[in-house]
Protein backbone atom coordinates (compact mmCIF):
# COMPACT_ATOMS: atom_id res chain seq x y z
CA MET A 1 0.00 0.00 0.00
CA GLU A 2 1.35 3.40 -0.98
CA ARG A 3 1.52 5.99 1.75
CA PHE A 4 1.43 9.72 1.31
CA ALA A 5 3.18 12.03 3.70
CA ALA A 6 0.86 14.35 5.51
CA PHE A 7 0.71 17.84 4.10
CA SER A 8 2.62 20.48 6.01
CA PRO A 9 0.70 23.21 7.82
CA SER A 10 1.70 25.71 5.12
CA ASP A 11 0.50 23.33 2.37
CA ARG A 12 -2.82 22.89 4.19
CA ALA A 13 -3.17 26.67 4.46
CA VAL A 14 -2.57 27.06 0.70
CA MET A 15 -5.13 24.34 -0.07
CA ARG A 16 -7.68 25.91 2.28
CA GLU A 17 -7.18 29.30 0.62
CA ALA A 18 -7.58 27.77 -2.85
CA TYR A 19 -10.78 25.95 -1.83
CA GLU A 20 -12.33 28.95 -0.07
CA ASP A 21 -11.52 31.22 -3.02
CA ALA A 22 -12.92 28.71 -5.53
CA TRP A 23 -16.13 28.27 -3.57
CA ALA A 24 -16.54 32.03 -3.06
CA HIS A 25 -16.08 32.52 -6.81
CA LEU A 26 -18.85 30.03 -7.55
CA VAL A 27 -21.20 31.57 -5.00
CA LYS A 28 -20.51 35.11 -6.21
CA SER A 29 -21.08 34.09 -9.82
CA ASP A 30 -24.46 32.58 -8.88
CA SER A 31 -23.39 29.33 -10.53
CA SER A 32 -25.81 26.45 -10.79
CA LEU A 33 -23.02 24.34 -9.23
CA VAL A 34 -23.89 25.73 -5.79
CA GLY A 35 -27.51 24.54 -5.90
CA PRO A 36 -28.77 22.27 -3.13
CA ASP A 37 -28.82 19.16 -5.31
CA ILE A 38 -25.24 19.47 -6.54
CA GLU A 39 -23.40 21.53 -3.89
CA ALA A 40 -21.81 18.54 -2.13
CA ALA A 41 -20.56 17.03 -5.40
CA THR A 42 -19.13 20.39 -6.48
CA LYS A 43 -17.29 20.81 -3.18
CA ASP A 44 -15.92 17.26 -3.44
CA ALA A 45 -14.69 17.90 -6.98
CA LEU A 46 -12.95 21.12 -5.91
CA VAL A 47 -11.27 19.46 -2.93
CA LEU A 48 -10.10 16.41 -4.86
CA ASP A 49 -8.64 18.55 -7.64
CA ILE A 50 -6.86 20.85 -5.19
CA ILE A 51 -5.36 17.88 -3.33
CA ALA A 52 -4.23 16.33 -6.62
CA GLY A 53 -2.61 19.60 -7.64
CA MET A 54 -0.76 19.89 -4.34
CA ARG A 55 0.43 16.29 -4.64
CA ALA A 56 1.70 17.13 -8.15
CA GLY A 57 3.78 19.95 -6.69
CA VAL A 58 1.60 22.99 -7.31
CA LYS A 59 2.09 25.27 -4.30
CA ASP A 60 0.26 28.40 -5.46
CA ALA A 61 -3.29 28.90 -4.17
CA ARG A 62 -4.44 30.83 -7.24
CA SER A 63 -3.16 28.15 -9.62
CA LEU A 64 -4.83 25.44 -7.56
CA ARG A 65 -8.07 27.43 -7.50
CA ASP A 66 -8.04 28.19 -11.21
CA HIS A 67 -7.40 24.56 -12.14
CA ALA A 68 -10.15 23.30 -9.82
CA LEU A 69 -12.64 25.80 -11.24
CA ALA A 70 -11.71 24.91 -14.80
CA ASN A 71 -12.26 21.23 -14.03
CA VAL A 72 -15.85 21.91 -12.94
CA GLY A 73 -16.41 23.91 -16.13
CA VAL A 74 -16.06 27.43 -14.78
CA HIS A 75 -13.73 29.97 -16.32
CA PRO A 76 -11.67 31.49 -13.51
CA GLU A 77 -11.27 35.26 -13.33
């Protein structure tokens, strides 16, 4: 079984910032992806993409956010 090292506190802070910014962007844009029937799936997709980006070595919150938004079909700012 492959093990992944835990993310450092600074990595977790970057991921949290990326997630919060991505979610705020969706809410502000009044996207249908924040509706009650799809909100949980959208959040899961954002989180999984941000984690994958961090594992791939991306350490910039804006890059993580932009990639996660693009993967749910939203053009980032």
